[in-house]
């Protein structure tokens, strides 16, 4: 197993444990509201927590496992830092055949490094309020590109595209 695969596996287990803990806490809040006969509060809370997992659901639609692992860790890291994040990619990236022409295992190191660089940038702007991140995957001839845009309420703070061919 390569070093990056070990890192990703270790991180995925860490994120799983965190999410399991959060999931159990969410159930406690919902059950507490129901026991206190506050079903509207329980429903409101369920809607709020459900919207948090939408980006993770999108990542689950990408059949390339190494890219999925990197993206999942990235989105969870952003959330841990209080950054609201969205992910967007073309519909064809949901198909296995797409990845035969657009992904090589050697991309994983560069992509992982890019997400770590983005997280370093996020840490520089910790004092900013309402940070928002947009992550876009693009189809490149024989490869892939990713753009990360970090914004606050007023302006774009950082914007960087990386391309893999």
C-alpha atoms as a PDB file:
ATOM      1  CA  UNK A   1       0.000   0.000   0.000  1.00  0.00           C
ATOM      2  CA  UNK A   2       1.384   3.408  -0.953  1.00  0.00           C
ATOM      3  CA  UNK A   3       2.005   6.108   1.634  1.00  0.00           C
ATOM      4  CA  UNK A   4      -0.851   8.279   0.332  1.00  0.00           C
ATOM      5  CA  UNK A   5      -3.241   5.326   0.480  1.00  0.00           C
ATOM      6  CA  UNK A   6      -2.268   4.767   4.126  1.00  0.00           C
ATOM      7  CA  UNK A   7      -2.819   8.454   4.880  1.00  0.00           C
ATOM      8  CA  UNK A   8      -6.222   8.456   3.179  1.00  0.00           C
ATOM      9  CA  UNK A   9      -7.314   5.251   4.924  1.00  0.00           C
ATOM     10  CA  UNK A  10      -6.240   6.608   8.301  1.00  0.00           C
ATOM     11  CA  UNK A  11      -8.022   9.908   7.664  1.00  0.00           C
ATOM     12  CA  UNK A  12     -11.202   8.187   6.481  1.00  0.00           C
ATOM     13  CA  UNK A  13     -11.320   6.168   9.689  1.00  0.00           C
ATOM     14  CA  UNK A  14     -10.820   9.366  11.683  1.00  0.00           C
ATOM     15  CA  UNK A  15     -13.629  11.139   9.776  1.00  0.00           C
ATOM     16  CA  UNK A  16     -15.884   8.100  10.202  1.00  0.00           C
ATOM     17  CA  UNK A  17     -15.392   8.200  13.973  1.00  0.00           C
ATOM     18  CA  UNK A  18     -16.119  11.929  14.088  1.00  0.00           C
ATOM     19  CA  UNK A  19     -19.213  11.558  11.940  1.00  0.00           C
ATOM     20  CA  UNK A  20     -20.465   8.609  13.976  1.00  0.00           C
ATOM     21  CA  UNK A  21     -20.096  10.718  17.131  1.00  0.00           C
ATOM     22  CA  UNK A  22     -21.926  13.635  15.481  1.00  0.00           C
ATOM     23  CA  UNK A  23     -24.631  11.297  14.189  1.00  0.00           C
ATOM     24  CA  UNK A  24     -25.282   9.935  17.678  1.00  0.00           C
ATOM     25  CA  UNK A  25     -25.442  13.493  19.054  1.00  0.00           C
ATOM     26  CA  UNK A  26     -27.976  14.435  16.377  1.00  0.00           C
ATOM     27  CA  UNK A  27     -30.173  11.493  17.359  1.00  0.00           C
ATOM     28  CA  UNK A  28     -29.988  12.551  21.014  1.00  0.00           C
ATOM     29  CA  UNK A  29     -31.188  16.065  20.129  1.00  0.00           C
ATOM     30  CA  UNK A  30     -34.034  14.706  17.977  1.00  0.00           C
ATOM     31  CA  UNK A  31     -35.109  12.175  20.618  1.00  0.00           C
ATOM     32  CA  UNK A  32     -34.944  14.841  23.319  1.00  0.00           C
ATOM     33  CA  UNK A  33     -37.197  17.153  21.332  1.00  0.00           C
ATOM     34  CA  UNK A  34     -39.656  14.334  20.674  1.00  0.00           C
ATOM     35  CA  UNK A  35     -39.682  13.302  24.355  1.00  0.00           C
ATOM     36  CA  UNK A  36     -40.412  16.918  25.275  1.00  0.00           C
ATOM     37  CA  UNK A  37     -43.297  16.850  22.783  1.00  0.00           C
ATOM     38  CA  UNK A  38     -41.596  19.368  20.468  1.00  0.00           C
ATOM     39  CA  UNK A  39     -41.933  17.647  17.097  1.00  0.00           C
ATOM     40  CA  UNK A  40     -41.555  20.901  15.147  1.00  0.00           C
ATOM     41  CA  UNK A  41     -38.175  21.523  16.792  1.00  0.00           C
ATOM     42  CA  UNK A  42     -37.133  17.948  15.996  1.00  0.00           C
ATOM     43  CA  UNK A  43     -38.173  18.384  12.359  1.00  0.00           C
ATOM     44  CA  UNK A  44     -36.388  21.735  12.044  1.00  0.00           C
ATOM     45  CA  UNK A  45     -33.223  20.226  13.484  1.00  0.00           C
ATOM     46  CA  UNK A  46     -33.445  17.240  11.125  1.00  0.00           C
ATOM     47  CA  UNK A  47     -33.746  19.561   8.124  1.00  0.00           C
ATOM     48  CA  UNK A  48     -30.723  21.598   9.239  1.00  0.00           C
ATOM     49  CA  UNK A  49     -28.506  18.584   9.790  1.00  0.00           C
ATOM     50  CA  UNK A  50     -29.644  16.918   6.575  1.00  0.00           C
ATOM     51  CA  UNK A  51     -28.479  19.878   4.474  1.00  0.00           C
ATOM     52  CA  UNK A  52     -24.966  19.523   5.919  1.00  0.00           C
ATOM     53  CA  UNK A  53     -24.508  16.136   4.268  1.00  0.00           C
ATOM     54  CA  UNK A  54     -25.513  17.129   0.718  1.00  0.00           C
ATOM     55  CA  UNK A  55     -21.938  17.735  -0.450  1.00  0.00           C
ATOM     56  CA  UNK A  56     -20.867  14.379   0.964  1.00  0.00           C
ATOM     57  CA  UNK A  57     -23.682  12.747  -0.995  1.00  0.00           C
ATOM     58  CA  UNK A  58     -22.357  14.374  -4.167  1.00  0.00           C
ATOM     59  CA  UNK A  59     -18.887  12.991  -3.466  1.00  0.00           C
ATOM     60  CA  UNK A  60     -20.421   9.531  -3.132  1.00  0.00           C
ATOM     61  CA  UNK A  61     -21.561   9.815  -6.758  1.00  0.00           C
ATOM     62  CA  UNK A  62     -17.957  10.005  -8.005  1.00  0.00           C
ATOM     63  CA  UNK A  63     -16.862   6.426  -8.739  1.00  0.00           C
ATOM     64  CA  UNK A  64     -13.105   7.162  -8.491  1.00  0.00           C
ATOM     65  CA  UNK A  65     -12.342   6.048  -4.894  1.00  0.00           C
ATOM     66  CA  UNK A  66      -9.062   7.895  -4.333  1.00  0.00           C
ATOM     67  CA  UNK A  67     -10.505  11.187  -5.537  1.00  0.00           C
ATOM     68  CA  UNK A  68     -13.605  10.562  -3.425  1.00  0.00           C
ATOM     69  CA  UNK A  69     -11.450   9.960  -0.346  1.00  0.00           C
ATOM     70  CA  UNK A  70      -9.495  13.188  -0.886  1.00  0.00           C
ATOM     71  CA  UNK A  71     -12.655  15.226  -1.525  1.00  0.00           C
ATOM     72  CA  UNK A  72     -14.485  13.782   1.464  1.00  0.00           C
ATOM     73  CA  UNK A  73     -11.616  14.639   3.776  1.00  0.00           C
ATOM     74  CA  UNK A  74     -11.422  18.110   2.260  1.00  0.00           C
ATOM     75  CA  UNK A  75     -15.132  18.874   2.720  1.00  0.00           C
ATOM     76  CA  UNK A  76     -15.104  17.562   6.292  1.00  0.00           C
ATOM     77  CA  UNK A  77     -11.963  19.583   7.123  1.00  0.00           C
ATOM     78  CA  UNK A  78     -13.636  22.708   5.777  1.00  0.00           C
ATOM     79  CA  UNK A  79     -16.738  22.031   7.888  1.00  0.00           C
ATOM     80  CA  UNK A  80     -14.550  21.465  10.966  1.00  0.00           C
ATOM     81  CA  UNK A  81     -13.119  24.951  10.367  1.00  0.00           C
ATOM     82  CA  UNK A  82     -16.608  26.438  10.123  1.00  0.00           C
ATOM     83  CA  UNK A  83     -16.432  26.980   6.364  1.00  0.00           C
ATOM     84  CA  UNK A  84     -19.595  26.316   4.379  1.00  0.00           C
ATOM     85  CA  UNK A  85     -18.568  24.462   1.221  1.00  0.00           C
ATOM     86  CA  UNK A  86     -20.186  23.474  -2.044  1.00  0.00           C
ATOM     87  CA  UNK A  87     -18.919  21.056  -4.646  1.00  0.00           C
ATOM     88  CA  UNK A  88     -19.857  21.121  -8.304  1.00  0.00           C
ATOM     89  CA  UNK A  89     -18.821  18.880 -11.176  1.00  0.00           C
ATOM     90  CA  UNK A  90     -20.182  17.821 -14.562  1.00  0.00           C
ATOM     91  CA  UNK A  91     -22.723  15.019 -14.752  1.00  0.00           C
ATOM     92  CA  UNK A  92     -20.350  12.783 -16.736  1.00  0.00           C
ATOM     93  CA  UNK A  93     -18.039  12.565 -13.708  1.00  0.00           C
ATOM     94  CA  UNK A  94     -20.627  10.261 -12.158  1.00  0.00           C
ATOM     95  CA  UNK A  95     -19.807   7.615 -14.787  1.00  0.00           C
ATOM     96  CA  UNK A  96     -17.007   5.063 -14.347  1.00  0.00           C
ATOM     97  CA  UNK A  97     -16.067   5.311 -18.024  1.00  0.00           C
ATOM     98  CA  UNK A  98     -15.214   8.999 -17.604  1.00  0.00           C
ATOM     99  CA  UNK A  99     -12.477   8.190 -15.097  1.00  0.00           C
ATOM    100  CA  UNK A 100     -10.745   5.691 -17.393  1.00  0.00           C
ATOM    101  CA  UNK A 101      -9.636   8.640 -19.543  1.00  0.00           C
ATOM    102  CA  UNK A 102      -9.343  11.348 -16.886  1.00  0.00           C
ATOM    103  CA  UNK A 103      -7.693   9.836 -13.810  1.00  0.00           C
ATOM    104  CA  UNK A 104      -4.302   8.373 -13.051  1.00  0.00           C
ATOM    105  CA  UNK A 105      -3.263   7.158  -9.629  1.00  0.00           C
ATOM    106  CA  UNK A 106      -0.320   9.561  -9.613  1.00  0.00           C
ATOM    107  CA  UNK A 107      -2.828  12.434  -9.464  1.00  0.00           C
ATOM    108  CA  UNK A 108      -3.790  11.553  -5.899  1.00  0.00           C
ATOM    109  CA  UNK A 109      -0.603  12.964  -4.333  1.00  0.00           C
ATOM    110  CA  UNK A 110      -0.959  16.267  -6.186  1.00  0.00           C
ATOM    111  CA  UNK A 111      -4.665  16.533  -5.495  1.00  0.00           C
ATOM    112  CA  UNK A 112      -4.176  15.776  -1.794  1.00  0.00           C
ATOM    113  CA  UNK A 113      -1.375  18.364  -1.603  1.00  0.00           C
ATOM    114  CA  UNK A 114      -3.617  20.921  -3.291  1.00  0.00           C
ATOM    115  CA  UNK A 115      -6.365  20.390  -0.683  1.00  0.00           C
ATOM    116  CA  UNK A 116      -3.811  20.776   2.116  1.00  0.00           C
ATOM    117  CA  UNK A 117      -2.631  24.030   0.543  1.00  0.00           C
ATOM    118  CA  UNK A 118      -6.232  25.214   0.428  1.00  0.00           C
ATOM    119  CA  UNK A 119      -6.655  24.363   4.119  1.00  0.00           C
ATOM    120  CA  UNK A 120      -3.534  26.411   4.947  1.00  0.00           C
ATOM    121  CA  UNK A 121      -5.149  29.363   3.183  1.00  0.00           C
ATOM    122  CA  UNK A 122      -8.369  28.819   5.162  1.00  0.00           C
ATOM    123  CA  UNK A 123      -6.377  28.942   8.411  1.00  0.00           C
ATOM    124  CA  UNK A 124      -4.980  32.368   7.409  1.00  0.00           C
ATOM    125  CA  UNK A 125      -8.518  33.740   7.232  1.00  0.00           C
ATOM    126  CA  UNK A 126      -9.864  32.202  10.468  1.00  0.00           C
ATOM    127  CA  UNK A 127     -10.781  35.607  11.848  1.00  0.00           C
ATOM    128  CA  UNK A 128     -13.015  36.360   8.852  1.00  0.00           C
ATOM    129  CA  UNK A 129     -16.718  35.817   9.367  1.00  0.00           C
ATOM    130  CA  UNK A 130     -18.947  33.650   7.209  1.00  0.00           C
ATOM    131  CA  UNK A 131     -16.283  31.957   5.106  1.00  0.00           C
ATOM    132  CA  UNK A 132     -17.625  30.154   2.085  1.00  0.00           C
ATOM    133  CA  UNK A 133     -15.769  27.740  -0.199  1.00  0.00           C
ATOM    134  CA  UNK A 134     -16.634  26.665  -3.714  1.00  0.00           C
ATOM    135  CA  UNK A 135     -14.940  23.605  -5.194  1.00  0.00           C
ATOM    136  CA  UNK A 136     -15.300  22.897  -8.907  1.00  0.00           C
ATOM    137  CA  UNK A 137     -14.057  19.882 -10.829  1.00  0.00           C
ATOM    138  CA  UNK A 138     -13.537  20.358 -14.561  1.00  0.00           C
ATOM    139  CA  UNK A 139     -13.034  18.023 -17.458  1.00  0.00           C
ATOM    140  CA  UNK A 140      -9.687  18.653 -19.160  1.00  0.00           C
ATOM    141  CA  UNK A 141      -8.572  16.831 -22.328  1.00  0.00           C
ATOM    142  CA  UNK A 142      -7.004  13.657 -20.959  1.00  0.00           C
ATOM    143  CA  UNK A 143      -7.113  14.944 -17.401  1.00  0.00           C
ATOM    144  CA  UNK A 144      -8.811  16.908 -14.693  1.00  0.00           C
ATOM    145  CA  UNK A 145      -8.810  20.402 -13.154  1.00  0.00           C
ATOM    146  CA  UNK A 146      -9.989  21.620  -9.773  1.00  0.00           C
ATOM    147  CA  UNK A 147     -10.753  25.169  -8.668  1.00  0.00           C
ATOM    148  CA  UNK A 148     -11.024  26.311  -5.060  1.00  0.00           C
ATOM    149  CA  UNK A 149     -12.556  29.701  -4.304  1.00  0.00           C
ATOM    150  CA  UNK A 150     -12.614  31.029  -0.750  1.00  0.00           C
ATOM    151  CA  UNK A 151     -14.877  34.005  -0.047  1.00  0.00           C
ATOM    152  CA  UNK A 152     -16.281  35.958   2.829  1.00  0.00           C
ATOM    153  CA  UNK A 153     -19.380  38.154   2.862  1.00  0.00           C
ATOM    154  CA  UNK A 154     -17.668  40.884   0.870  1.00  0.00           C
ATOM    155  CA  UNK A 155     -15.080  39.457  -1.507  1.00  0.00           C
ATOM    156  CA  UNK A 156     -13.118  36.575  -2.945  1.00  0.00           C
ATOM    157  CA  UNK A 157     -10.180  35.929  -0.630  1.00  0.00           C
ATOM    158  CA  UNK A 158      -8.394  33.267  -2.674  1.00  0.00           C
ATOM    159  CA  UNK A 159      -8.938  31.545  -5.993  1.00  0.00           C
ATOM    160  CA  UNK A 160      -6.693  28.827  -7.395  1.00  0.00           C
ATOM    161  CA  UNK A 161      -7.018  26.233 -10.151  1.00  0.00           C
ATOM    162  CA  UNK A 162      -4.842  23.157 -10.455  1.00  0.00           C
ATOM    163  CA  UNK A 163      -4.729  20.985 -13.573  1.00  0.00           C
ATOM    164  CA  UNK A 164      -3.703  17.348 -13.918  1.00  0.00           C
ATOM    165  CA  UNK A 165      -2.811  15.995 -17.374  1.00  0.00           C
END
